[in-house]
Amino acid sequence: MNANEFLGFMVTTIATLLGMASIIVAIIIKPIINLNKSITKLNDNIDTLNKSYGTLNERVTKHGVELDEHEKRILKIEYKEEAKKWTKCY
């Protein structure tokens, strides 16, 4: 084997190794990078949903208190109306 054959084999081997490395990157590493990006987006969306849930929970709680107050007022009015009916009977 002379120097020219050795250099030819070496160039062929290096080209083959680079081709295999690019295949490994394309098949294994690129999907992992895409998966990491997707996970990051999902985490951001979950954080946004949690913030929205907190806001909605506060609003629902506030409306619940308002509904309770309205219910109390309605019961007072109904009680007064019933009391008026009973006082008219006697």
C-alpha atoms as a PDB file:
ATOM      1  CA  MET A   1       0.000   0.000   0.000  1.00  0.00           C
ATOM      2  CA  ASN A   2       1.509   3.279  -1.012  1.00  0.00           C
ATOM      3  CA  ALA A   3       0.820   6.767   0.319  1.00  0.00           C
ATOM      4  CA  ASN A   4      -1.773   7.595  -2.347  1.00  0.00           C
ATOM      5  CA  GLU A   5      -3.849   4.524  -1.533  1.00  0.00           C
ATOM      6  CA  PHE A   6      -3.600   5.293   2.176  1.00  0.00           C
ATOM      7  CA  LEU A   7      -4.767   8.891   1.627  1.00  0.00           C
ATOM      8  CA  GLY A   8      -7.621   7.630  -0.551  1.00  0.00           C
ATOM      9  CA  PHE A   9      -8.766   5.205   2.142  1.00  0.00           C
ATOM     10  CA  MET A  10      -8.403   7.875   4.795  1.00  0.00           C
ATOM     11  CA  VAL A  11     -10.486  10.393   2.811  1.00  0.00           C
ATOM     12  CA  THR A  12     -13.125   7.729   2.135  1.00  0.00           C
ATOM     13  CA  THR A  13     -13.190   6.760   5.809  1.00  0.00           C
ATOM     14  CA  ILE A  14     -13.508  10.382   6.952  1.00  0.00           C
ATOM     15  CA  ALA A  15     -16.307  11.021   4.441  1.00  0.00           C
ATOM     16  CA  THR A  16     -18.104   7.881   5.629  1.00  0.00           C
ATOM     17  CA  LEU A  17     -17.740   8.875   9.283  1.00  0.00           C
ATOM     18  CA  LEU A  18     -19.037  12.386   8.559  1.00  0.00           C
ATOM     19  CA  GLY A  19     -21.985  10.899   6.694  1.00  0.00           C
ATOM     20  CA  MET A  20     -22.753   8.585   9.606  1.00  0.00           C
ATOM     21  CA  ALA A  21     -22.432  11.495  12.050  1.00  0.00           C
ATOM     22  CA  SER A  22     -24.901  13.560  10.022  1.00  0.00           C
ATOM     23  CA  ILE A  23     -27.320  10.613   9.973  1.00  0.00           C
ATOM     24  CA  ILE A  24     -26.995  10.251  13.746  1.00  0.00           C
ATOM     25  CA  VAL A  25     -27.680  13.957  14.160  1.00  0.00           C
ATOM     26  CA  ALA A  26     -30.661  13.801  11.801  1.00  0.00           C
ATOM     27  CA  ILE A  27     -32.165  10.657  13.307  1.00  0.00           C
ATOM     28  CA  ILE A  28     -31.401  10.982  17.012  1.00  0.00           C
ATOM     29  CA  ILE A  29     -30.333  14.452  18.071  1.00  0.00           C
ATOM     30  CA  LYS A  30     -32.687  16.599  15.956  1.00  0.00           C
ATOM     31  CA  PRO A  31     -35.869  14.910  17.264  1.00  0.00           C
ATOM     32  CA  ILE A  32     -34.597  15.315  20.822  1.00  0.00           C
ATOM     33  CA  ILE A  33     -34.055  19.023  20.231  1.00  0.00           C
ATOM     34  CA  ASN A  34     -37.559  19.315  18.745  1.00  0.00           C
ATOM     35  CA  LEU A  35     -38.950  17.421  21.731  1.00  0.00           C
ATOM     36  CA  ASN A  36     -37.236  19.818  24.130  1.00  0.00           C
ATOM     37  CA  LYS A  37     -38.744  22.767  22.251  1.00  0.00           C
ATOM     38  CA  SER A  38     -42.190  21.184  22.421  1.00  0.00           C
ATOM     39  CA  ILE A  39     -41.840  20.485  26.140  1.00  0.00           C
ATOM     40  CA  THR A  40     -40.816  24.095  26.734  1.00  0.00           C
ATOM     41  CA  LYS A  41     -43.867  25.353  24.821  1.00  0.00           C
ATOM     42  CA  LEU A  42     -46.138  23.009  26.765  1.00  0.00           C
ATOM     43  CA  ASN A  43     -44.679  24.188  30.074  1.00  0.00           C
ATOM     44  CA  ASP A  44     -45.314  27.796  29.057  1.00  0.00           C
ATOM     45  CA  ASN A  45     -48.894  26.934  28.092  1.00  0.00           C
ATOM     46  CA  ILE A  46     -49.438  25.147  31.410  1.00  0.00           C
ATOM     47  CA  ASP A  47     -48.118  28.175  33.300  1.00  0.00           C
ATOM     48  CA  THR A  48     -50.496  30.417  31.358  1.00  0.00           C
ATOM     49  CA  LEU A  49     -53.406  28.077  32.073  1.00  0.00           C
ATOM     50  CA  ASN A  50     -52.552  28.023  35.774  1.00  0.00           C
ATOM     51  CA  LYS A  51     -52.556  31.827  35.879  1.00  0.00           C
ATOM     52  CA  SER A  52     -55.873  31.932  34.021  1.00  0.00           C
ATOM     53  CA  TYR A  53     -57.308  29.337  36.390  1.00  0.00           C
ATOM     54  CA  GLY A  54     -56.269  31.438  39.365  1.00  0.00           C
ATOM     55  CA  THR A  55     -57.980  34.493  37.915  1.00  0.00           C
ATOM     56  CA  LEU A  56     -61.135  32.540  37.089  1.00  0.00           C
ATOM     57  CA  ASN A  57     -61.154  30.967  40.542  1.00  0.00           C
ATOM     58  CA  GLU A  58     -61.010  34.403  42.157  1.00  0.00           C
ATOM     59  CA  ARG A  59     -63.876  35.624  39.963  1.00  0.00           C
ATOM     60  CA  VAL A  60     -66.013  32.571  40.707  1.00  0.00           C
ATOM     61  CA  THR A  61     -65.384  32.979  44.434  1.00  0.00           C
ATOM     62  CA  LYS A  62     -66.356  36.660  44.235  1.00  0.00           C
ATOM     63  CA  HIS A  63     -69.525  35.826  42.317  1.00  0.00           C
ATOM     64  CA  GLY A  64     -70.339  33.101  44.824  1.00  0.00           C
ATOM     65  CA  VAL A  65     -70.168  35.624  47.649  1.00  0.00           C
ATOM     66  CA  GLU A  66     -72.363  38.016  45.668  1.00  0.00           C
ATOM     67  CA  LEU A  67     -74.890  35.246  45.022  1.00  0.00           C
ATOM     68  CA  ASP A  68     -74.973  34.392  48.711  1.00  0.00           C
ATOM     69  CA  GLU A  69     -75.646  38.036  49.550  1.00  0.00           C
ATOM     70  CA  HIS A  70     -78.447  38.187  46.966  1.00  0.00           C
ATOM     71  CA  GLU A  71     -79.940  34.984  48.357  1.00  0.00           C
ATOM     72  CA  LYS A  72     -79.956  36.488  51.856  1.00  0.00           C
ATOM     73  CA  ARG A  73     -81.658  39.638  50.580  1.00  0.00           C
ATOM     74  CA  ILE A  74     -84.270  37.607  48.718  1.00  0.00           C
ATOM     75  CA  LEU A  75     -84.965  35.506  51.797  1.00  0.00           C
ATOM     76  CA  LYS A  76     -85.422  38.664  53.904  1.00  0.00           C
ATOM     77  CA  ILE A  77     -87.848  40.103  51.369  1.00  0.00           C
ATOM     78  CA  GLU A  78     -89.774  36.823  51.163  1.00  0.00           C
ATOM     79  CA  TYR A  79     -89.872  36.595  54.950  1.00  0.00           C
ATOM     80  CA  LYS A  80     -91.265  40.134  55.178  1.00  0.00           C
ATOM     81  CA  GLU A  81     -93.922  39.315  52.572  1.00  0.00           C
ATOM     82  CA  GLU A  82     -94.946  36.168  54.467  1.00  0.00           C
ATOM     83  CA  ALA A  83     -95.048  38.131  57.716  1.00  0.00           C
ATOM     84  CA  LYS A  84     -97.330  40.712  56.089  1.00  0.00           C
ATOM     85  CA  LYS A  85     -99.688  37.950  54.942  1.00  0.00           C
ATOM     86  CA  TRP A  86     -99.875  36.461  58.432  1.00  0.00           C
ATOM     87  CA  THR A  87    -100.437  39.814  60.111  1.00  0.00           C
ATOM     88  CA  LYS A  88    -103.331  40.567  57.750  1.00  0.00           C
ATOM     89  CA  CYS A  89    -104.999  37.274  58.704  1.00  0.00           C
ATOM     90  CA  TYR A  90    -105.151  38.163  62.417  1.00  0.00           C
END
